C-alpha cells in the first residue's frame, strides 16, 4: 500500500472513531451523512478509494488462513464460460482464476453440506473497485446478519462471501474489467455445487455493485442454460446498482431529492469506477447491455431483461437513497417480465443501510423480513 493510500485509510479511521466516540447519539444523523460523503470523495481526488485491486498482489495467505472461514475457491472450468460472456472475456483477456471466500457460520470442514440446507452466496458492494468479503469489512454486516437472524428461525445457518477481483483504471494499470467479477462469481457458485449444495437450496445475495453482480450471474446461468449449473432458488438484493448508464440521475429524481440525505451521490466515485469496469469494451454497453445495466431505459426493444425463468427475488432499498429511482425501475422491469418480486423500501434509510452506522433498527426490520421471505420459500418445497 502506498503512502498516499495509507494516509487515506488513516483519515478514515480517525474520522469514524471521532464521530462514534464523541457523537454516539447523532452519528447517523443526516448532518453526519454529509460529512461521510465529503470523506468518501477523497478517493476521487487522490485517485484511490480504500482497498484497491493492487491489494491482491500483497495478500499473505499464511496470515489470513487463521481467520475463521477462510477458503480458497478454484476457478470455474473454462468450458463453463460460453456465449456472449466468453466473447467479452476474450476481448478483456480474462478467465476464471482461484479466488478467496469466507464462510460465515459453520465452515465446511466443521460441518459438510446437509440435506436440504439453505446456503447464501454473498457478493459485496463497492462499485466494482473497492470493498472486500473479509469478515471485518463493513459489508460483512450483511452475511453476519443473515446468520444471526437465520439461525434463530432455522432458515440460514451459513453464508459464503466471495472475494471477486476488482476493476482498475488510470492512474493505475487498467485491469479486471467486465466480465471478470462475473467469472469469479461463477467460480463461487460452482464451488458450492461441488461441495454438495443443491441449486434449489442456494440463494444469491448482493449489495450495491454486489447486487448488480448477483443479477448478472443469474442472467448468465439462465442464458447459458448448462445442465450442470442451473440458476439458484432465489436472489436477495440490497440497494442494487441497477443502471450504470447513470440515466436515472436527473433533476427531480431521487438522485436530486435524496442528495442531502444519502452518503453517496453521482460524484462520489467520479468516472473511475465506470472507466475501470468497462475496460476495452464500448462505453455504450452501459446503455444497452442488460448484464451491466438491467434497469437502463435504453435497453433494445428486442431484449427481454427478465422473464418467468428467473427465481423469486427480494429487493431491499432505502427511502432516502439516491439510487431509489433506478432500483424502482429494476423492480418494474422484473415484475413486467413475470418475476415474483418481494419489495421492501425502508423509510428514511440510506444506500446500503446495513453497513451504515446508526441504522440498527432499520437493519433489524429488514433482516427479519428477509428470513421470513426465505422461510416462505422453504415452506413451498
Protein backbone atom coordinates (compact mmCIF):
# COMPACT_ATOMS: atom_id res chain seq x y z
CA UNK A 1 0.00 0.00 0.00
CA UNK A 2 1.42 3.40 -0.96
CA UNK A 3 1.92 6.28 1.47
CA UNK A 4 -0.98 8.09 -0.17
CA UNK A 5 -3.28 5.08 0.29
CA UNK A 6 -2.13 4.60 3.88
CA UNK A 7 -2.83 8.25 4.67
CA UNK A 8 -6.28 7.99 3.16
CA UNK A 9 -7.13 4.94 5.25
CA UNK A 10 -5.76 6.67 8.38
CA UNK A 11 -8.04 9.66 7.78
CA UNK A 12 -10.97 7.24 7.54
CA UNK A 13 -10.11 5.58 10.84
CA UNK A 14 -9.59 8.84 12.76
CA UNK A 15 -12.79 10.35 11.40
CA UNK A 16 -15.02 7.38 12.20
CA UNK A 17 -13.50 6.96 15.67
CA UNK A 18 -14.05 10.65 16.46
CA UNK A 19 -17.70 10.60 15.41
CA UNK A 20 -18.60 7.32 17.06
CA UNK A 21 -16.95 8.24 20.36
CA UNK A 22 -17.93 11.90 20.54
CA UNK A 23 -21.40 11.88 18.99
CA UNK A 24 -22.85 8.39 19.52
CA UNK A 25 -26.38 9.78 19.82
CA UNK A 26 -26.32 11.54 16.45
CA UNK A 27 -23.67 9.70 14.47
CA UNK A 28 -26.20 8.63 11.85
CA UNK A 29 -27.88 12.00 11.50
CA UNK A 30 -28.08 13.49 8.05
CA UNK A 31 -25.55 16.16 9.04
CA UNK A 32 -23.05 13.37 9.69
CA UNK A 33 -24.07 11.70 6.43
CA UNK A 34 -22.98 14.86 4.62
CA UNK A 35 -19.58 14.59 6.27
CA UNK A 36 -19.35 10.94 5.29
CA UNK A 37 -19.98 11.90 1.69
CA UNK A 38 -17.26 14.52 1.80
CA UNK A 39 -14.90 11.91 3.21
CA UNK A 40 -15.84 9.37 0.56
CA UNK A 41 -14.87 11.77 -2.24
CA UNK A 42 -11.28 11.98 -1.01
CA UNK A 43 -10.58 8.84 -3.02
CA UNK A 44 -11.81 10.56 -6.15
CA UNK A 45 -9.48 13.49 -5.57
CA UNK A 46 -6.34 11.44 -4.86
CA UNK A 47 -7.07 8.62 -7.28
CA UNK A 48 -7.93 5.76 -4.94
CA UNK A 49 -10.79 4.72 -2.68
CA UNK A 50 -9.96 2.31 0.14
CA UNK A 51 -8.90 -1.24 -0.78
CA UNK A 52 -7.95 -1.47 -4.43
CA UNK A 53 -7.17 -4.21 -6.91
CA UNK A 54 -3.49 -3.89 -6.01
CA UNK A 55 -4.04 -5.45 -2.60
CA UNK A 56 -4.43 -8.87 -4.24
CA UNK A 57 -0.73 -8.83 -5.08
CA UNK A 58 0.28 -8.43 -1.42
CA UNK A 59 -2.07 -10.90 0.27
CA UNK A 60 -0.12 -13.05 2.73
CA UNK A 61 -2.02 -16.34 2.78
CA UNK A 62 -0.29 -17.75 5.91
CA UNK A 63 -1.64 -14.81 7.89
CA UNK A 64 -5.21 -14.76 6.62
CA UNK A 65 -5.64 -18.53 6.78
CA UNK A 66 -6.00 -18.11 10.52
CA UNK A 67 -9.27 -16.23 10.05
CA UNK A 68 -12.26 -18.47 10.70
CA UNK A 69 -13.98 -19.47 7.50
CA UNK A 70 -11.19 -18.62 5.04
CA UNK A 71 -11.24 -20.79 1.93
CA UNK A 72 -9.54 -20.88 -1.47
CA UNK A 73 -12.02 -21.38 -4.32
CA UNK A 74 -10.83 -22.92 -7.60
CA UNK A 75 -11.64 -21.08 -10.80
CA UNK A 76 -14.63 -22.38 -12.76
CA UNK A 77 -13.91 -24.81 -15.58
CA UNK A 78 -13.15 -22.94 -18.85
CA UNK A 79 -15.86 -24.87 -20.72
CA UNK A 80 -18.49 -23.27 -18.46
CA UNK A 81 -17.73 -19.85 -19.98
CA UNK A 82 -19.81 -19.68 -23.13
CA UNK A 83 -21.82 -17.38 -25.38
CA UNK A 84 -21.55 -13.61 -25.26
CA UNK A 85 -19.75 -13.68 -21.90
CA UNK A 86 -16.94 -15.71 -23.45
CA UNK A 87 -16.68 -13.10 -26.21
CA UNK A 88 -16.43 -10.30 -23.64
CA UNK A 89 -13.96 -12.29 -21.55
CA UNK A 90 -11.71 -13.00 -24.54
CA UNK A 91 -11.71 -9.32 -25.51
CA UNK A 92 -10.83 -8.32 -21.95
CA UNK A 93 -8.21 -11.04 -21.69
CA UNK A 94 -9.67 -12.51 -18.51
CA UNK A 95 -10.54 -16.04 -17.42
CA UNK A 96 -11.64 -17.80 -14.23
CA UNK A 97 -8.95 -17.91 -11.54
CA UNK A 98 -8.65 -19.08 -7.96
CA UNK A 99 -10.37 -16.65 -5.61
CA UNK A 100 -10.83 -16.23 -1.86
CA UNK A 101 -14.00 -16.83 0.10
CA UNK A 102 -15.06 -16.53 3.74
CA UNK A 103 -17.61 -18.70 5.49
CA UNK A 104 -19.92 -17.06 8.00
CA UNK A 105 -21.44 -19.60 10.35
CA UNK A 106 -20.10 -23.15 10.18
CA UNK A 107 -17.19 -23.74 7.82
CA UNK A 108 -17.39 -26.81 5.59
CA UNK A 109 -14.54 -28.63 7.32
CA UNK A 110 -16.56 -28.46 10.52
CA UNK A 111 -19.90 -29.42 9.03
CA UNK A 112 -20.38 -30.64 5.44
CA UNK A 113 -23.42 -29.62 3.40
CA UNK A 114 -26.59 -31.04 4.91
CA UNK A 115 -29.54 -32.47 3.03
CA UNK A 116 -31.94 -29.64 2.19
CA UNK A 117 -29.72 -26.99 3.80
CA UNK A 118 -30.13 -23.41 2.56
CA UNK A 119 -26.90 -21.58 1.87
CA UNK A 120 -26.34 -18.00 0.70
CA UNK A 121 -23.57 -16.90 -1.64
CA UNK A 122 -22.90 -13.25 -0.90
CA UNK A 123 -21.28 -10.65 -3.18
CA UNK A 124 -20.11 -7.44 -1.51
CA UNK A 125 -20.60 -3.92 -2.80
CA UNK A 126 -18.06 -1.24 -3.64
CA UNK A 127 -18.69 -0.06 -7.22
CA UNK A 128 -16.58 -2.97 -8.51
CA UNK A 129 -13.42 -1.10 -7.44
CA UNK A 130 -13.29 -1.41 -3.65
CA UNK A 131 -14.55 -3.45 -0.72
CA UNK A 132 -13.80 -6.96 0.40
CA UNK A 133 -15.53 -10.13 1.57
CA UNK A 134 -13.37 -10.14 4.71
CA UNK A 135 -15.34 -10.54 7.97
CA UNK A 136 -14.07 -7.19 9.27
CA UNK A 137 -15.33 -5.18 6.29
CA UNK A 138 -18.45 -3.04 6.78
CA UNK A 139 -20.32 -5.05 4.14
CA UNK A 140 -19.80 -8.15 6.30
CA UNK A 141 -22.71 -6.84 8.38
CA UNK A 142 -24.94 -8.44 5.74
CA UNK A 143 -23.72 -12.08 5.89
CA UNK A 144 -23.37 -11.74 9.66
CA UNK A 145 -26.98 -10.58 9.85
CA UNK A 146 -28.16 -13.46 7.66
CA UNK A 147 -26.54 -15.98 10.01
CA UNK A 148 -27.61 -14.22 13.21
CA UNK A 149 -31.28 -13.90 12.26
CA UNK A 150 -31.32 -17.06 10.15
CA UNK A 151 -30.14 -19.38 12.90
CA UNK A 152 -32.87 -18.03 15.18
CA UNK A 153 -35.51 -19.14 12.67
CA UNK A 154 -33.79 -22.24 11.29
CA UNK A 155 -33.57 -20.76 7.80
CA UNK A 156 -29.95 -19.71 7.16
CA UNK A 157 -27.06 -21.24 9.10
CA UNK A 158 -24.14 -20.16 6.95
CA UNK A 159 -23.11 -17.84 4.17
CA UNK A 160 -20.20 -17.93 1.73
CA UNK A 161 -18.97 -14.44 0.88
CA UNK A 162 -16.73 -14.35 -2.19
CA UNK A 163 -13.76 -12.11 -2.93
CA UNK A 164 -14.05 -11.20 -6.62
CA UNK A 165 -11.34 -9.34 -8.49
CA UNK A 166 -11.71 -5.55 -8.57
CA UNK A 167 -11.52 -3.31 -11.61
CA UNK A 168 -8.96 -0.54 -12.00
CA UNK A 169 -8.26 2.35 -14.36
CA UNK A 170 -5.92 5.32 -14.59
CA UNK A 171 -3.79 6.24 -12.65
CA UNK A 172 -3.37 2.51 -12.06
CA UNK A 173 -2.79 -0.07 -14.74
CA UNK A 174 -6.24 -0.90 -16.20
CA UNK A 175 -7.22 -4.39 -15.07
CA UNK A 176 -10.07 -6.78 -14.33
CA UNK A 177 -12.87 -5.15 -16.38
CA UNK A 178 -16.24 -6.73 -17.15
CA UNK A 179 -16.82 -9.70 -17.03
CA UNK A 180 -14.01 -10.51 -14.54
CA UNK A 181 -16.22 -10.24 -11.45
CA UNK A 182 -18.87 -12.35 -13.16
CA UNK A 183 -16.35 -15.12 -13.84
CA UNK A 184 -15.30 -15.06 -10.18
CA UNK A 185 -18.94 -15.23 -9.06
CA UNK A 186 -19.37 -18.21 -11.36
CA UNK A 187 -16.38 -19.84 -9.63
CA UNK A 188 -18.02 -19.27 -6.26
CA UNK A 189 -21.23 -20.90 -7.44
CA UNK A 190 -19.55 -23.96 -8.98
CA UNK A 191 -17.61 -24.35 -5.72
CA UNK A 192 -20.86 -24.52 -3.72
CA UNK A 193 -22.29 -27.08 -6.13
CA UNK A 194 -19.13 -29.17 -5.88
CA UNK A 195 -19.47 -29.17 -2.08
CA UNK A 196 -22.88 -30.81 -2.31
CA UNK A 197 -25.22 -27.83 -2.04
CA UNK A 198 -28.20 -28.07 -4.39
CA UNK A 199 -29.29 -25.22 -6.69
CA UNK A 200 -32.79 -25.35 -5.21
CA UNK A 201 -31.27 -24.54 -1.81
CA UNK A 202 -28.84 -21.80 -2.88
CA UNK A 203 -29.61 -18.08 -2.64
CA UNK A 204 -27.57 -15.27 -4.18
CA UNK A 205 -27.14 -12.07 -2.21
CA UNK A 206 -25.53 -8.80 -3.20
CA UNK A 207 -25.45 -5.20 -2.03
CA UNK A 208 -24.93 -2.23 -4.36
CA UNK A 209 -22.44 -3.41 -7.03
CA UNK A 210 -22.71 -6.87 -5.49
CA UNK A 211 -26.41 -6.77 -6.30
CA UNK A 212 -25.57 -5.91 -9.89
CA UNK A 213 -23.21 -8.90 -9.90
CA UNK A 214 -25.83 -11.24 -8.41
CA UNK A 215 -28.22 -10.28 -11.21
CA UNK A 216 -25.54 -10.69 -13.86
CA UNK A 217 -24.58 -14.16 -12.61
CA UNK A 218 -28.20 -15.30 -12.55
CA UNK A 219 -28.68 -13.92 -16.06
CA UNK A 220 -25.66 -15.86 -17.24
CA UNK A 221 -26.88 -19.13 -15.72
CA UNK A 222 -30.24 -18.68 -17.44
CA UNK A 223 -28.77 -17.63 -20.79
CA UNK A 224 -26.08 -20.33 -20.84
CA UNK A 225 -28.66 -22.99 -19.97
CA UNK A 226 -25.98 -25.51 -19.00
CA UNK A 227 -27.40 -28.56 -17.14
CA UNK A 228 -24.51 -28.60 -14.67
CA UNK A 229 -25.07 -25.01 -13.47
CA UNK A 230 -28.81 -24.22 -13.21
CA UNK A 231 -29.95 -20.94 -11.60
CA UNK A 232 -30.31 -20.63 -7.82
CA UNK A 233 -33.61 -20.70 -5.97
CA UNK A 234 -33.68 -17.02 -5.09
CA UNK A 235 -31.90 -13.65 -5.04
CA UNK A 236 -31.63 -11.08 -2.25
CA UNK A 237 -30.70 -7.61 -3.49
CA UNK A 238 -29.80 -4.73 -1.19
CA UNK A 239 -29.68 -1.30 -2.86
CA UNK A 240 -28.65 -2.94 -6.15
CA UNK A 241 -26.69 -0.81 -8.61
CA UNK A 242 -29.11 -1.26 -11.49
CA UNK A 243 -28.30 1.35 -14.12
CA UNK A 244 -24.61 2.07 -14.67
CA UNK A 245 -25.53 4.33 -17.59
CA UNK A 246 -26.45 6.98 -14.97
CA UNK A 247 -29.65 7.75 -16.91
CA UNK A 248 -31.62 7.83 -13.66
CA UNK A 249 -29.56 10.76 -12.36
CA UNK A 250 -31.75 13.69 -13.34
CA UNK A 251 -33.36 16.79 -11.81
CA UNK A 252 -36.39 15.96 -9.71
CA UNK A 253 -35.45 12.30 -9.34
CA UNK A 254 -34.22 10.54 -6.21
CA UNK A 255 -30.65 11.44 -7.15
CA UNK A 256 -31.76 15.04 -6.67
CA UNK A 257 -34.37 14.88 -3.90
CA UNK A 258 -32.29 12.49 -1.76
CA UNK A 259 -28.98 14.17 -2.39
CA UNK A 260 -28.94 15.72 1.08
CA UNK A 261 -29.89 12.55 2.91
CA UNK A 262 -27.61 9.90 1.38
CA UNK A 263 -23.86 9.49 1.85
CA UNK A 264 -23.22 8.89 -1.86
CA UNK A 265 -24.11 10.85 -4.96
CA UNK A 266 -23.25 10.74 -8.65
CA UNK A 267 -19.85 12.31 -8.00
CA UNK A 268 -18.75 10.09 -5.11
CA UNK A 269 -16.60 7.87 -7.30
CA UNK A 270 -16.34 10.06 -10.38
CA UNK A 271 -15.64 8.22 -13.63
CA UNK A 272 -13.01 5.96 -12.08
CA UNK A 273 -15.37 3.04 -11.40
CA UNK A 274 -17.15 3.29 -14.74
CA UNK A 275 -13.95 3.50 -16.78
CA UNK A 276 -12.36 0.66 -14.87
CA UNK A 277 -15.36 -1.63 -15.16
CA UNK A 278 -15.98 -1.14 -18.90
CA UNK A 279 -12.31 -1.56 -19.80
CA UNK A 280 -11.78 -2.27 -23.51
CA UNK A 281 -15.48 -2.58 -24.30
CA UNK A 282 -17.64 0.04 -25.96
CA UNK A 283 -18.90 2.53 -23.31
CA UNK A 284 -22.33 2.33 -24.95
CA UNK A 285 -22.62 -1.09 -23.32
CA UNK A 286 -23.70 0.84 -20.23
CA UNK A 287 -26.86 1.84 -22.11
CA UNK A 288 -27.70 -1.36 -23.97
CA UNK A 289 -26.27 -4.36 -22.12
CA UNK A 290 -28.62 -6.00 -19.56
CA UNK A 291 -25.63 -7.73 -17.93
CA UNK A 292 -24.34 -4.30 -16.98
CA UNK A 293 -27.41 -2.06 -16.68
CA UNK A 294 -30.51 -4.24 -16.21
CA UNK A 295 -32.66 -1.17 -15.43
CA UNK A 296 -31.37 1.04 -18.24
CA UNK A 297 -34.20 2.82 -20.07
CA UNK A 298 -32.28 2.30 -23.32
CA UNK A 299 -32.20 -1.48 -23.46
CA UNK A 300 -33.07 -2.61 -27.02
CA UNK A 301 -36.74 -3.44 -27.51
CA UNK A 302 -35.86 -6.96 -28.60
CA UNK A 303 -34.13 -7.56 -25.26
CA UNK A 304 -36.34 -9.16 -22.62
CA UNK A 305 -34.27 -8.47 -19.49
CA UNK A 306 -36.36 -10.68 -17.20
CA UNK A 307 -38.92 -13.45 -17.58
CA UNK A 308 -40.55 -16.27 -15.65
CA UNK A 309 -37.39 -18.39 -15.76
CA UNK A 310 -35.88 -16.13 -13.12
CA UNK A 311 -36.03 -17.18 -9.45
CA UNK A 312 -38.03 -15.37 -6.81
CA UNK A 313 -36.32 -12.18 -5.74
CA UNK A 314 -36.35 -9.84 -2.76
CA UNK A 315 -35.26 -6.22 -3.20
CA UNK A 316 -34.36 -4.05 -0.21
CA UNK A 317 -33.97 -0.31 -0.72
CA UNK A 318 -33.65 2.80 1.41
CA UNK A 319 -36.27 5.50 1.10
CA UNK A 320 -33.59 8.19 1.44
CA UNK A 321 -31.05 6.83 -1.05
CA UNK A 322 -30.08 8.49 -4.30
CA UNK A 323 -30.39 5.22 -6.26
CA UNK A 324 -34.02 4.70 -5.28
CA UNK A 325 -35.38 5.54 -8.75
CA UNK A 326 -33.20 3.06 -10.59
CA UNK A 327 -33.97 0.37 -8.02
CA UNK A 328 -37.69 1.00 -8.53
CA UNK A 329 -37.13 0.71 -12.28
CA UNK A 330 -35.44 -2.63 -11.69
CA UNK A 331 -38.45 -3.82 -9.75
CA UNK A 332 -40.74 -2.65 -12.56
CA UNK A 333 -38.91 -4.48 -15.35
CA UNK A 334 -38.67 -7.62 -13.22
CA UNK A 335 -42.39 -7.67 -12.49
CA UNK A 336 -43.19 -6.78 -16.11
CA UNK A 337 -41.32 -9.91 -17.13
CA UNK A 338 -43.43 -12.07 -14.84
CA UNK A 339 -40.97 -12.44 -11.96
CA UNK A 340 -42.06 -12.86 -8.37
CA UNK A 341 -40.61 -9.87 -6.50
CA UNK A 342 -40.78 -9.05 -2.80
CA UNK A 343 -40.22 -5.30 -2.31
CA UNK A 344 -39.05 -3.69 0.92
CA UNK A 345 -38.45 0.06 0.99
CA UNK A 346 -37.19 1.10 4.41
CA UNK A 347 -38.29 4.62 5.25
CA UNK A 348 -35.52 7.18 5.84
CA UNK A 349 -32.79 4.59 5.23
CA UNK A 350 -29.75 5.44 3.13
CA UNK A 351 -27.99 3.45 0.42
CA UNK A 352 -26.88 0.01 1.63
CA UNK A 353 -28.01 0.92 5.14
CA UNK A 354 -26.91 -2.44 6.59
CA UNK A 355 -23.35 -1.13 6.51
CA UNK A 356 -24.11 2.39 7.76
CA UNK A 357 -23.63 3.12 11.48
CA UNK A 358 -26.80 4.21 13.26
CA UNK A 359 -29.28 2.17 11.24
CA UNK A 360 -29.59 -0.83 13.56
CA UNK A 361 -33.38 -0.56 13.87
CA UNK A 362 -33.78 -0.33 10.10
CA UNK A 363 -31.45 -3.31 9.68
CA UNK A 364 -33.30 -5.37 12.28
CA UNK A 365 -36.59 -4.90 10.47
CA UNK A 366 -35.04 -5.77 7.11
CA UNK A 367 -33.28 -8.91 8.37
CA UNK A 368 -36.49 -10.12 9.99
CA UNK A 369 -38.36 -9.70 6.70
CA UNK A 370 -35.57 -11.39 4.76
CA UNK A 371 -35.56 -14.53 6.89
CA UNK A 372 -39.36 -14.60 6.75
CA UNK A 373 -39.14 -14.45 2.95
CA UNK A 374 -36.62 -17.30 2.99
CA UNK A 375 -38.88 -19.30 5.32
CA UNK A 376 -41.83 -18.85 2.97
CA UNK A 377 -39.71 -20.23 0.14
CA UNK A 378 -38.78 -23.27 2.21
CA UNK A 379 -42.42 -23.94 3.04
CA UNK A 380 -43.24 -24.17 -0.68
CA UNK A 381 -40.86 -27.11 -1.18
